[in-house]
């Protein structure tokens, strides 16, 4: 069974994008879990952790509420995870769509490589992943200490890349335009630092993630 988890709290300018992403993932997953940790500020990581606990599937698609991932890339990622417990980043190009292009996608026009973009990022680690539940739990979930926006994907990647396996597939994902988020809390930088230091050191990472929960 495949469960999609969307960390999401309704905000002005983002509801329509969420609805499109929810519908898109519903065509791929057996269930879609929308999760909000309820804290202030919103914690994407704790919301993901909560959503995974509520999910029924052993294969998880974790996807932000503003991203469209081509179905064929999600399918290939699912095959990779089924063959070997791991985390798969089903993209290597992050296309930030313009506001006008986003309106077209919201109106039902599927994004393509020709869809106008503000810029393309080729080094992103975040936004969407496909992972099996065992690997997710092994790697300590997302660190609940991080609040607001920023660094939670890098934190979790560091843990998975140290304790399990991370794979990346070629292909684009499409970020739907929305109003800018508040600047991320500076505490997230401090929380991330020890994960960066422990990256690649299994014993140090296991000690770091310890036994924690949201």
N, C-alpha and C. Protein backbone atom coordinates (compact mmCIF):
# COMPACT_ATOMS: atom_id res chain seq x y z
N UNK A 1 0.84 -1.19 0.00
CA UNK A 1 0.00 0.00 0.00
C UNK A 1 0.88 1.24 0.00
N UNK A 2 0.49 2.23 -0.79
CA UNK A 2 1.23 3.48 -0.89
C UNK A 2 0.44 4.59 -0.22
N UNK A 3 1.10 5.29 0.70
CA UNK A 3 0.49 6.43 1.38
C UNK A 3 1.24 7.71 1.00
N UNK A 4 0.51 8.72 0.61
CA UNK A 4 1.09 10.04 0.38
C UNK A 4 0.83 10.91 1.60
N UNK A 5 1.85 11.63 2.04
CA UNK A 5 1.73 12.50 3.20
C UNK A 5 2.04 13.93 2.76
N UNK A 6 1.10 14.83 3.00
CA UNK A 6 1.27 16.24 2.66
C UNK A 6 1.28 17.05 3.95
N UNK A 7 2.40 17.66 4.32
CA UNK A 7 2.39 18.57 5.47
C UNK A 7 1.77 19.90 5.03
N UNK A 8 0.73 20.33 5.72
CA UNK A 8 0.00 21.49 5.18
C UNK A 8 -0.81 22.18 6.26
N UNK A 9 -0.75 23.51 6.23
CA UNK A 9 -1.64 24.36 7.01
C UNK A 9 -2.17 25.43 6.06
N UNK A 10 -3.48 25.58 5.96
CA UNK A 10 -4.05 26.55 5.01
C UNK A 10 -3.51 27.96 5.24
N UNK A 11 -3.10 28.59 4.14
CA UNK A 11 -2.61 29.95 4.17
C UNK A 11 -3.14 30.69 2.95
N UNK A 12 -3.32 32.00 3.03
CA UNK A 12 -3.79 32.76 1.88
C UNK A 12 -2.87 32.56 0.68
N UNK A 13 -3.47 32.29 -0.47
CA UNK A 13 -2.69 32.13 -1.69
C UNK A 13 -2.17 30.73 -1.94
N UNK A 14 -2.46 29.78 -1.02
CA UNK A 14 -1.91 28.44 -1.18
C UNK A 14 -2.96 27.34 -1.24
N UNK A 15 -4.20 27.69 -1.01
CA UNK A 15 -5.25 26.66 -0.96
C UNK A 15 -5.45 26.00 -2.31
N UNK A 16 -5.51 26.79 -3.38
CA UNK A 16 -5.73 26.22 -4.71
C UNK A 16 -4.60 25.27 -5.10
N UNK A 17 -3.36 25.66 -4.79
CA UNK A 17 -2.22 24.80 -5.10
C UNK A 17 -2.32 23.48 -4.34
N UNK A 18 -2.66 23.56 -3.07
CA UNK A 18 -2.82 22.35 -2.27
C UNK A 18 -3.85 21.42 -2.88
N UNK A 19 -4.97 21.96 -3.31
CA UNK A 19 -6.03 21.12 -3.86
C UNK A 19 -5.57 20.40 -5.13
N UNK A 20 -4.79 21.09 -5.96
CA UNK A 20 -4.27 20.47 -7.18
C UNK A 20 -3.27 19.37 -6.84
N UNK A 21 -2.38 19.63 -5.88
CA UNK A 21 -1.39 18.64 -5.48
C UNK A 21 -2.09 17.43 -4.85
N UNK A 22 -3.09 17.67 -4.04
CA UNK A 22 -3.84 16.58 -3.40
C UNK A 22 -4.49 15.70 -4.46
N UNK A 23 -5.11 16.30 -5.45
CA UNK A 23 -5.74 15.53 -6.52
C UNK A 23 -4.71 14.74 -7.31
N UNK A 24 -3.58 15.37 -7.58
CA UNK A 24 -2.51 14.72 -8.34
C UNK A 24 -2.00 13.48 -7.61
N UNK A 25 -1.74 13.60 -6.32
CA UNK A 25 -1.22 12.47 -5.55
C UNK A 25 -2.28 11.39 -5.35
N UNK A 26 -3.53 11.77 -5.35
CA UNK A 26 -4.61 10.78 -5.19
C UNK A 26 -4.65 9.80 -6.35
N UNK A 27 -4.10 10.21 -7.49
CA UNK A 27 -4.08 9.32 -8.65
C UNK A 27 -2.93 8.32 -8.56
N UNK A 28 -2.01 8.53 -7.63
CA UNK A 28 -0.83 7.67 -7.50
C UNK A 28 -0.88 6.81 -6.24
N UNK A 29 -1.34 7.40 -5.14
CA UNK A 29 -1.31 6.73 -3.85
C UNK A 29 -2.66 6.10 -3.52
N UNK A 30 -2.63 5.11 -2.62
CA UNK A 30 -3.86 4.47 -2.15
C UNK A 30 -4.59 5.35 -1.14
N UNK A 31 -3.84 6.21 -0.46
CA UNK A 31 -4.44 7.16 0.46
C UNK A 31 -3.57 8.41 0.50
N UNK A 32 -4.19 9.54 0.82
CA UNK A 32 -3.46 10.80 0.97
C UNK A 32 -3.76 11.33 2.37
N UNK A 33 -2.71 11.51 3.15
CA UNK A 33 -2.82 12.01 4.51
C UNK A 33 -2.37 13.46 4.52
N UNK A 34 -3.25 14.35 4.98
CA UNK A 34 -2.90 15.76 5.15
C UNK A 34 -2.64 15.99 6.63
N UNK A 35 -1.45 16.48 6.96
CA UNK A 35 -1.05 16.55 8.36
C UNK A 35 -0.62 17.95 8.77
N UNK A 36 -1.06 18.35 9.94
CA UNK A 36 -0.70 19.63 10.56
C UNK A 36 -0.43 19.35 12.03
N UNK A 37 0.77 19.65 12.50
CA UNK A 37 1.12 19.34 13.89
C UNK A 37 0.38 20.20 14.89
N UNK A 38 -0.18 21.32 14.44
CA UNK A 38 -0.96 22.18 15.32
C UNK A 38 -0.16 23.15 16.14
N UNK A 39 1.17 23.09 16.04
CA UNK A 39 2.01 23.99 16.83
C UNK A 39 2.19 25.34 16.18
N UNK A 40 2.82 26.26 16.92
CA UNK A 40 3.11 27.60 16.42
C UNK A 40 4.58 27.90 16.66
N UNK A 41 5.33 28.26 15.62
CA UNK A 41 4.87 28.25 14.22
C UNK A 41 4.72 26.82 13.70
N UNK A 42 4.12 26.71 12.55
CA UNK A 42 3.93 25.42 11.89
C UNK A 42 5.25 24.68 11.77
N UNK A 43 5.26 23.41 12.11
CA UNK A 43 6.45 22.57 11.95
C UNK A 43 6.19 21.57 10.82
N UNK A 44 6.87 21.75 9.71
CA UNK A 44 6.73 20.82 8.60
C UNK A 44 7.18 19.42 9.02
N UNK A 45 8.31 19.35 9.74
CA UNK A 45 8.84 18.05 10.14
C UNK A 45 7.91 17.29 11.06
N UNK A 46 7.40 17.95 12.11
CA UNK A 46 6.48 17.27 13.02
C UNK A 46 5.19 16.89 12.32
N UNK A 47 4.77 17.71 11.37
CA UNK A 47 3.56 17.38 10.61
C UNK A 47 3.78 16.14 9.77
N UNK A 48 4.96 16.03 9.14
CA UNK A 48 5.29 14.82 8.39
C UNK A 48 5.31 13.61 9.31
N UNK A 49 5.97 13.75 10.46
CA UNK A 49 6.03 12.63 11.40
C UNK A 49 4.63 12.17 11.80
N UNK A 50 3.76 13.12 12.09
CA UNK A 50 2.38 12.79 12.46
C UNK A 50 1.67 12.10 11.31
N UNK A 51 1.86 12.62 10.11
CA UNK A 51 1.20 12.02 8.94
C UNK A 51 1.65 10.61 8.69
N UNK A 52 2.94 10.34 8.86
CA UNK A 52 3.46 8.98 8.66
C UNK A 52 2.87 8.04 9.70
N UNK A 53 2.74 8.49 10.93
CA UNK A 53 2.15 7.64 11.97
C UNK A 53 0.70 7.30 11.65
N UNK A 54 0.00 8.22 11.04
CA UNK A 54 -1.41 7.98 10.69
C UNK A 54 -1.57 7.16 9.43
N UNK A 55 -0.53 7.11 8.60
CA UNK A 55 -0.62 6.45 7.31
C UNK A 55 -0.65 4.93 7.47
N UNK A 56 -1.31 4.28 6.54
CA UNK A 56 -1.43 2.81 6.56
C UNK A 56 -0.37 2.12 5.72
N UNK A 57 0.21 2.81 4.75
CA UNK A 57 1.12 2.18 3.81
C UNK A 57 2.53 2.00 4.35
N UNK A 58 3.22 1.02 3.77
CA UNK A 58 4.63 0.80 4.08
C UNK A 58 5.54 1.54 3.11
N UNK A 59 4.96 2.05 2.00
CA UNK A 59 5.69 2.92 1.08
C UNK A 59 5.09 4.30 1.18
N UNK A 60 5.95 5.30 1.36
CA UNK A 60 5.50 6.65 1.65
C UNK A 60 5.97 7.63 0.59
N UNK A 61 5.04 8.44 0.10
CA UNK A 61 5.38 9.59 -0.72
C UNK A 61 5.19 10.81 0.17
N UNK A 62 6.27 11.51 0.49
CA UNK A 62 6.19 12.72 1.30
C UNK A 62 6.35 13.90 0.35
N UNK A 63 5.34 14.74 0.24
CA UNK A 63 5.35 15.78 -0.79
C UNK A 63 4.77 17.08 -0.25
N UNK A 64 5.45 18.17 -0.52
CA UNK A 64 4.95 19.48 -0.11
C UNK A 64 3.67 19.83 -0.87
N UNK A 65 2.92 20.76 -0.30
CA UNK A 65 1.61 21.13 -0.85
C UNK A 65 1.70 22.08 -2.03
N UNK A 66 2.92 22.34 -2.52
CA UNK A 66 3.08 23.26 -3.64
C UNK A 66 3.90 22.64 -4.78
N UNK A 67 3.98 21.30 -4.81
CA UNK A 67 4.83 20.63 -5.81
C UNK A 67 4.04 19.65 -6.65
N UNK A 68 4.27 19.69 -7.96
CA UNK A 68 3.74 18.69 -8.88
C UNK A 68 4.91 17.82 -9.34
N UNK A 69 4.79 16.53 -9.10
CA UNK A 69 5.83 15.57 -9.49
C UNK A 69 5.25 14.67 -10.57
N UNK A 70 5.88 14.60 -11.76
CA UNK A 70 5.36 13.72 -12.80
C UNK A 70 5.12 12.30 -12.30
N UNK A 71 3.99 11.74 -12.68
CA UNK A 71 3.58 10.42 -12.19
C UNK A 71 4.63 9.36 -12.52
N UNK A 72 5.21 9.42 -13.72
CA UNK A 72 6.17 8.39 -14.10
C UNK A 72 7.40 8.41 -13.20
N UNK A 73 7.78 9.58 -12.69
CA UNK A 73 8.92 9.66 -11.78
C UNK A 73 8.56 9.07 -10.42
N UNK A 74 7.35 9.29 -9.96
CA UNK A 74 6.91 8.68 -8.71
C UNK A 74 6.83 7.16 -8.85
N UNK A 75 6.38 6.69 -10.00
CA UNK A 75 6.31 5.25 -10.25
C UNK A 75 7.70 4.61 -10.21
N UNK A 76 8.66 5.25 -10.87
CA UNK A 76 10.03 4.73 -10.88
C UNK A 76 10.64 4.75 -9.47
N UNK A 77 10.34 5.80 -8.73
CA UNK A 77 10.84 5.87 -7.36
C UNK A 77 10.25 4.76 -6.52
N UNK A 78 8.95 4.47 -6.71
CA UNK A 78 8.32 3.39 -5.97
C UNK A 78 8.94 2.05 -6.28
N UNK A 79 9.27 1.82 -7.54
CA UNK A 79 9.93 0.57 -7.93
C UNK A 79 11.29 0.44 -7.24
N UNK A 80 12.04 1.55 -7.21
CA UNK A 80 13.37 1.54 -6.58
C UNK A 80 13.27 1.21 -5.10
N UNK A 81 12.29 1.81 -4.41
CA UNK A 81 12.12 1.56 -2.97
C UNK A 81 11.67 0.13 -2.71
N UNK A 82 10.82 -0.39 -3.61
CA UNK A 82 10.34 -1.77 -3.45
C UNK A 82 11.49 -2.77 -3.62
N UNK A 83 12.47 -2.42 -4.44
CA UNK A 83 13.61 -3.32 -4.68
C UNK A 83 14.63 -3.28 -3.55
N UNK A 84 14.77 -2.12 -2.92
CA UNK A 84 15.77 -1.94 -1.87
C UNK A 84 15.31 -0.86 -0.91
N UNK A 85 15.22 -1.14 0.39
CA UNK A 85 14.85 -0.09 1.35
C UNK A 85 15.78 1.11 1.21
N UNK A 86 15.20 2.28 1.00
CA UNK A 86 15.99 3.47 0.76
C UNK A 86 15.07 4.68 0.70
N UNK A 87 15.66 5.83 0.48
CA UNK A 87 14.90 7.04 0.17
C UNK A 87 15.27 7.47 -1.24
N UNK A 88 14.26 7.80 -2.04
CA UNK A 88 14.49 8.24 -3.40
C UNK A 88 14.02 9.68 -3.56
N UNK A 89 14.90 10.51 -4.09
CA UNK A 89 14.52 11.86 -4.52
C UNK A 89 14.16 11.74 -5.99
N UNK A 90 12.86 11.85 -6.34
CA UNK A 90 12.43 11.54 -7.71
C UNK A 90 12.59 12.70 -8.68
N UNK A 91 13.71 13.42 -8.60
CA UNK A 91 13.93 14.59 -9.46
C UNK A 91 15.39 14.99 -9.39
N UNK A 92 15.83 15.73 -10.39
CA UNK A 92 17.13 16.37 -10.32
C UNK A 92 17.09 17.81 -10.80
N UNK A 93 15.88 18.30 -11.09
CA UNK A 93 15.71 19.71 -11.48
C UNK A 93 14.43 20.25 -10.85
N UNK A 94 14.57 21.35 -10.13
CA UNK A 94 13.48 21.95 -9.37
C UNK A 94 13.05 23.21 -10.12
N UNK A 95 11.91 23.14 -10.81
CA UNK A 95 11.44 24.24 -11.65
C UNK A 95 10.48 25.14 -10.87
N UNK A 96 10.89 26.36 -10.60
CA UNK A 96 10.03 27.32 -9.93
C UNK A 96 9.20 28.05 -10.98
N UNK A 97 7.91 27.75 -11.04
CA UNK A 97 7.05 28.33 -12.07
C UNK A 97 6.74 29.79 -11.77
N UNK A 98 6.49 30.54 -12.82
CA UNK A 98 6.06 31.92 -12.67
C UNK A 98 4.63 31.94 -12.14
N UNK A 99 4.20 33.11 -11.69
CA UNK A 99 2.83 33.24 -11.21
C UNK A 99 1.82 32.95 -12.30
N UNK A 100 2.07 33.45 -13.51
CA UNK A 100 1.14 33.22 -14.62
C UNK A 100 1.09 31.73 -14.99
N UNK A 101 2.25 31.10 -15.04
CA UNK A 101 2.28 29.66 -15.36
C UNK A 101 1.55 28.86 -14.29
N UNK A 102 1.69 29.28 -13.05
CA UNK A 102 1.01 28.58 -11.96
C UNK A 102 -0.50 28.67 -12.12
N UNK A 103 -1.00 29.82 -12.51
CA UNK A 103 -2.44 29.97 -12.74
C UNK A 103 -2.92 29.01 -13.82
N UNK A 104 -2.11 28.79 -14.85
CA UNK A 104 -2.48 27.86 -15.91
C UNK A 104 -2.52 26.42 -15.38
N UNK A 105 -1.54 26.06 -14.53
CA UNK A 105 -1.54 24.71 -13.95
C UNK A 105 -2.76 24.53 -13.06
N UNK A 106 -3.09 25.55 -12.27
CA UNK A 106 -4.26 25.47 -11.40
C UNK A 106 -5.55 25.36 -12.20
N UNK A 107 -5.51 25.85 -13.44
CA UNK A 107 -6.69 25.77 -14.31
C UNK A 107 -6.77 24.45 -15.06
N UNK A 108 -5.75 23.59 -14.87
CA UNK A 108 -5.81 22.26 -15.47
C UNK A 108 -4.81 21.97 -16.55
N UNK A 109 -3.88 22.89 -16.81
CA UNK A 109 -2.85 22.67 -17.84
C UNK A 109 -1.63 22.01 -17.19
N UNK A 110 -1.31 20.76 -17.53
CA UNK A 110 -0.16 20.09 -16.89
C UNK A 110 1.15 20.82 -17.20
N UNK A 111 2.02 20.96 -16.22
CA UNK A 111 3.31 21.62 -16.48
C UNK A 111 4.22 20.74 -17.32
N UNK A 112 5.05 21.36 -18.13
CA UNK A 112 6.04 20.65 -18.95
C UNK A 112 7.36 21.40 -18.86
N UNK A 113 8.37 20.89 -19.53
CA UNK A 113 9.66 21.56 -19.54
C UNK A 113 9.60 22.92 -20.21
N UNK A 114 8.54 23.15 -21.00
CA UNK A 114 8.38 24.43 -21.68
C UNK A 114 7.60 25.45 -20.85
N UNK A 115 7.06 25.02 -19.71
CA UNK A 115 6.29 25.93 -18.87
C UNK A 115 7.21 27.02 -18.32
N UNK A 116 6.83 28.30 -18.42
CA UNK A 116 7.70 29.40 -17.97
C UNK A 116 8.08 29.28 -16.49
N UNK A 117 9.34 29.55 -16.21
CA UNK A 117 9.86 29.44 -14.85
C UNK A 117 10.54 30.74 -14.44
N UNK A 118 10.59 30.95 -13.13
CA UNK A 118 11.39 32.05 -12.60
C UNK A 118 12.86 31.66 -12.54
N UNK A 119 13.12 30.42 -12.15
CA UNK A 119 14.48 29.87 -12.21
C UNK A 119 14.40 28.37 -11.97
N UNK A 120 15.51 27.67 -12.22
CA UNK A 120 15.61 26.23 -12.04
C UNK A 120 16.76 25.95 -11.07
N UNK A 121 16.49 25.12 -10.07
CA UNK A 121 17.53 24.72 -9.12
C UNK A 121 17.89 23.26 -9.37
N UNK A 122 19.17 22.95 -9.37
CA UNK A 122 19.61 21.59 -9.65
C UNK A 122 20.29 20.92 -8.46
N UNK A 123 20.24 21.55 -7.30
CA UNK A 123 20.93 20.98 -6.14
C UNK A 123 19.99 20.74 -4.96
N UNK A 124 18.69 20.87 -5.16
CA UNK A 124 17.75 20.76 -4.04
C UNK A 124 17.68 19.34 -3.49
N UNK A 125 17.55 19.25 -2.18
CA UNK A 125 17.37 17.96 -1.51
C UNK A 125 15.95 17.80 -0.99
N UNK A 126 15.12 18.81 -1.18
CA UNK A 126 13.85 18.82 -0.47
C UNK A 126 12.61 18.90 -1.32
N UNK A 127 11.49 18.85 -0.61
CA UNK A 127 10.19 19.03 -1.24
C UNK A 127 9.42 17.76 -1.43
N UNK A 128 10.10 16.70 -1.86
CA UNK A 128 9.42 15.43 -2.11
C UNK A 128 10.42 14.29 -2.02
N UNK A 129 9.97 13.18 -1.45
CA UNK A 129 10.77 11.96 -1.46
C UNK A 129 9.84 10.77 -1.40
N UNK A 130 10.35 9.62 -1.81
CA UNK A 130 9.65 8.35 -1.67
C UNK A 130 10.53 7.48 -0.78
N UNK A 131 9.95 6.92 0.27
CA UNK A 131 10.74 6.20 1.26
C UNK A 131 9.89 5.10 1.88
N UNK A 132 10.51 4.01 2.28
CA UNK A 132 9.78 2.96 2.98
C UNK A 132 9.71 3.31 4.46
N UNK A 133 8.68 2.81 5.12
CA UNK A 133 8.44 3.16 6.52
C UNK A 133 9.61 2.72 7.43
N UNK A 134 10.17 1.54 7.17
CA UNK A 134 11.26 1.05 8.01
C UNK A 134 12.44 2.01 7.98
N UNK A 135 12.80 2.49 6.80
CA UNK A 135 13.91 3.44 6.68
C UNK A 135 13.57 4.75 7.36
N UNK A 136 12.34 5.21 7.18
CA UNK A 136 11.91 6.46 7.82
C UNK A 136 12.09 6.38 9.33
N UNK A 137 11.65 5.28 9.92
CA UNK A 137 11.75 5.13 11.37
C UNK A 137 13.20 4.93 11.81
N UNK A 138 13.96 4.15 11.04
CA UNK A 138 15.36 3.90 11.36
C UNK A 138 16.15 5.20 11.48
N UNK A 139 15.80 6.15 10.64
CA UNK A 139 16.58 7.39 10.56
C UNK A 139 16.04 8.49 11.47
N UNK A 140 15.16 8.12 12.40
CA UNK A 140 14.76 9.04 13.45
C UNK A 140 13.70 10.04 13.10
N UNK A 141 12.97 9.80 12.00
CA UNK A 141 11.95 10.75 11.55
C UNK A 141 12.60 12.11 11.29
N UNK A 142 11.78 13.16 11.19
CA UNK A 142 12.28 14.53 11.06
C UNK A 142 12.48 15.10 12.46
N UNK A 143 13.50 15.91 12.63
CA UNK A 143 13.80 16.46 13.95
C UNK A 143 12.69 17.43 14.36
N UNK A 144 11.96 17.12 15.44
CA UNK A 144 10.82 17.96 15.84
C UNK A 144 11.22 19.31 16.40
N UNK A 145 12.50 19.51 16.66
CA UNK A 145 12.93 20.80 17.22
C UNK A 145 12.87 21.91 16.18
N UNK A 146 12.89 21.56 14.90
CA UNK A 146 12.85 22.57 13.84
C UNK A 146 11.43 23.09 13.67
N UNK A 147 11.29 24.41 13.70
CA UNK A 147 10.00 25.03 13.51
C UNK A 147 10.11 25.99 12.32
N UNK A 148 8.97 26.44 11.83
CA UNK A 148 9.00 27.38 10.72
C UNK A 148 9.51 26.72 9.45
N UNK A 149 10.19 27.51 8.64
CA UNK A 149 10.62 27.06 7.32
C UNK A 149 12.13 26.90 7.27
N UNK A 150 12.59 25.79 6.68
CA UNK A 150 13.99 25.68 6.33
C UNK A 150 14.81 24.63 7.06
N UNK A 151 15.63 23.90 6.30
CA UNK A 151 16.66 22.98 6.77
C UNK A 151 16.16 21.60 7.19
N UNK A 152 14.85 21.39 7.33
CA UNK A 152 14.40 20.08 7.79
C UNK A 152 14.72 18.99 6.78
N UNK A 153 14.60 19.29 5.49
CA UNK A 153 14.95 18.28 4.48
C UNK A 153 16.43 17.93 4.52
N UNK A 154 17.28 18.94 4.71
CA UNK A 154 18.73 18.70 4.76
C UNK A 154 19.06 17.86 6.00
N UNK A 155 18.38 18.14 7.12
CA UNK A 155 18.58 17.36 8.34
C UNK A 155 18.24 15.89 8.10
N UNK A 156 17.07 15.64 7.52
CA UNK A 156 16.63 14.26 7.32
C UNK A 156 17.50 13.56 6.28
N UNK A 157 17.88 14.27 5.22
CA UNK A 157 18.78 13.69 4.22
C UNK A 157 20.08 13.24 4.86
N UNK A 158 20.65 14.07 5.73
CA UNK A 158 21.91 13.72 6.37
C UNK A 158 21.79 12.41 7.16
N UNK A 159 20.64 12.25 7.85
CA UNK A 159 20.43 11.03 8.62
C UNK A 159 20.27 9.81 7.71
N UNK A 160 19.43 9.94 6.67
CA UNK A 160 19.18 8.80 5.78
C UNK A 160 20.44 8.44 5.00
N UNK A 161 21.17 9.44 4.53
CA UNK A 161 22.36 9.17 3.74
C UNK A 161 23.46 8.52 4.58
N UNK A 162 23.38 8.66 5.90
CA UNK A 162 24.35 8.05 6.80
C UNK A 162 23.92 6.66 7.24
N UNK A 163 22.63 6.49 7.53
CA UNK A 163 22.15 5.25 8.11
C UNK A 163 21.53 4.29 7.11
N UNK A 164 21.23 4.78 5.90
CA UNK A 164 20.61 3.94 4.88
C UNK A 164 21.18 4.35 3.51
N UNK A 165 20.30 4.49 2.52
CA UNK A 165 20.73 4.83 1.16
C UNK A 165 19.80 5.89 0.58
N UNK A 166 20.40 6.85 -0.10
CA UNK A 166 19.62 7.87 -0.83
C UNK A 166 19.93 7.73 -2.31
N UNK A 167 18.87 7.67 -3.12
CA UNK A 167 19.02 7.62 -4.57
C UNK A 167 18.31 8.83 -5.18
N UNK A 168 18.81 9.26 -6.33
CA UNK A 168 18.18 10.38 -7.04
C UNK A 168 17.86 9.94 -8.46
N UNK A 169 16.67 10.30 -8.92
CA UNK A 169 16.25 9.99 -10.28
C UNK A 169 16.27 11.26 -11.14
N UNK A 170 16.50 11.11 -12.44
CA UNK A 170 16.45 12.29 -13.31
C UNK A 170 15.02 12.72 -13.56
N UNK A 171 14.86 14.02 -13.81
CA UNK A 171 13.54 14.54 -14.15
C UNK A 171 13.21 15.80 -13.38
N UNK A 172 12.23 16.55 -13.86
CA UNK A 172 11.85 17.80 -13.20
C UNK A 172 10.73 17.62 -12.19
N UNK A 173 10.68 18.52 -11.22
CA UNK A 173 9.46 18.72 -10.45
C UNK A 173 9.10 20.20 -10.58
N UNK A 174 7.85 20.52 -10.31
CA UNK A 174 7.35 21.86 -10.60
C UNK A 174 6.79 22.50 -9.33
N UNK A 175 7.39 23.62 -8.97
CA UNK A 175 6.97 24.36 -7.78
C UNK A 175 5.96 25.43 -8.18
N UNK A 176 4.79 25.36 -7.59
CA UNK A 176 3.74 26.32 -7.88
C UNK A 176 3.99 27.61 -7.11
N UNK A 177 3.86 28.72 -7.81
CA UNK A 177 4.12 30.02 -7.18
C UNK A 177 3.13 30.29 -6.06
N UNK A 178 3.63 30.92 -4.98
CA UNK A 178 2.77 31.39 -3.90
C UNK A 178 3.51 32.50 -3.17
N UNK A 179 2.82 33.28 -2.33
CA UNK A 179 3.51 34.34 -1.58
C UNK A 179 4.66 33.78 -0.77
N UNK A 180 5.71 34.58 -0.60
CA UNK A 180 6.90 34.13 0.11
C UNK A 180 6.60 33.79 1.56
N UNK A 181 7.30 32.77 2.06
CA UNK A 181 7.17 32.38 3.45
C UNK A 181 7.99 33.33 4.32
N UNK A 182 7.66 33.42 5.63
CA UNK A 182 8.50 34.19 6.54
C UNK A 182 9.91 33.62 6.57
N UNK A 183 10.87 34.44 6.94
CA UNK A 183 12.26 33.98 7.04
C UNK A 183 12.34 32.87 8.08
N UNK A 184 13.15 31.85 7.78
CA UNK A 184 13.24 30.72 8.70
C UNK A 184 13.88 31.13 10.02
N UNK A 185 13.45 30.51 11.13
CA UNK A 185 14.05 30.81 12.43
C UNK A 185 15.55 30.49 12.45
N UNK A 186 16.33 31.36 13.08
CA UNK A 186 17.76 31.13 13.15
C UNK A 186 18.10 29.87 13.92
N UNK A 187 17.20 29.43 14.82
CA UNK A 187 17.48 28.23 15.59
C UNK A 187 17.62 27.00 14.69
N UNK A 188 16.98 27.03 13.51
CA UNK A 188 17.09 25.90 12.60
C UNK A 188 18.52 25.70 12.11
N UNK A 189 19.24 26.80 11.95
CA UNK A 189 20.65 26.70 11.55
C UNK A 189 21.45 25.96 12.62
N UNK A 190 21.19 26.27 13.89
CA UNK A 190 21.91 25.63 14.98
C UNK A 190 21.53 24.16 15.10
N UNK A 191 20.25 23.85 14.86
CA UNK A 191 19.80 22.46 14.96
C UNK A 191 20.41 21.62 13.85
N UNK A 192 20.57 22.22 12.67
CA UNK A 192 21.12 21.49 11.53
C UNK A 192 22.60 21.17 11.71
N UNK A 193 23.34 22.07 12.32
CA UNK A 193 24.81 21.96 12.36
C UNK A 193 25.32 20.60 12.82
N UNK A 194 24.82 20.01 13.91
CA UNK A 194 25.36 18.71 14.31
C UNK A 194 25.04 17.58 13.33
N UNK A 195 23.94 17.71 12.57
CA UNK A 195 23.64 16.70 11.56
C UNK A 195 24.66 16.77 10.42
N UNK A 196 25.04 17.98 10.05
CA UNK A 196 26.05 18.15 9.02
C UNK A 196 27.37 17.56 9.50
N UNK A 197 27.69 17.79 10.78
CA UNK A 197 28.94 17.27 11.33
C UNK A 197 28.92 15.74 11.42
N UNK A 198 27.74 15.17 11.68
CA UNK A 198 27.64 13.70 11.84
C UNK A 198 27.41 12.97 10.52
N UNK A 199 27.19 13.71 9.43
CA UNK A 199 26.91 13.10 8.13
C UNK A 199 28.04 12.15 7.74
N UNK A 200 27.70 10.88 7.53
CA UNK A 200 28.69 9.89 7.16
C UNK A 200 29.26 9.10 8.32
N UNK A 201 28.96 9.51 9.54
CA UNK A 201 29.46 8.83 10.74
C UNK A 201 28.26 8.14 11.41
N UNK A 202 28.14 6.84 11.20
CA UNK A 202 26.96 6.11 11.66
C UNK A 202 26.76 6.22 13.17
N UNK A 203 27.83 5.99 13.94
CA UNK A 203 27.70 6.02 15.39
C UNK A 203 27.29 7.41 15.88
N UNK A 204 27.90 8.44 15.30
CA UNK A 204 27.57 9.80 15.71
C UNK A 204 26.13 10.14 15.37
N UNK A 205 25.66 9.67 14.22
CA UNK A 205 24.29 9.99 13.81
C UNK A 205 23.29 9.25 14.70
N UNK A 206 23.56 7.99 15.03
CA UNK A 206 22.66 7.24 15.90
C UNK A 206 22.57 7.90 17.28
N UNK A 207 23.69 8.38 17.76
CA UNK A 207 23.69 9.07 19.05
C UNK A 207 22.91 10.38 18.97
N UNK A 208 23.01 11.03 17.83
CA UNK A 208 22.35 12.33 17.65
C UNK A 208 20.84 12.18 17.60
N UNK A 209 20.37 11.19 16.84
CA UNK A 209 18.91 11.09 16.68
C UNK A 209 18.27 10.50 17.93
N UNK A 210 19.00 9.65 18.66
CA UNK A 210 18.55 9.15 19.93
C UNK A 210 17.12 8.64 19.90
N UNK A 211 16.39 8.89 20.96
CA UNK A 211 15.00 8.47 21.09
C UNK A 211 14.17 9.72 21.30
N UNK A 212 13.54 10.19 20.27
CA UNK A 212 12.83 11.46 20.34
C UNK A 212 11.47 11.32 19.69
N UNK A 213 10.62 12.25 19.98
CA UNK A 213 9.29 12.29 19.34
C UNK A 213 8.78 13.71 19.40
N UNK A 214 7.77 14.00 18.55
CA UNK A 214 7.18 15.34 18.55
C UNK A 214 6.29 15.49 19.78
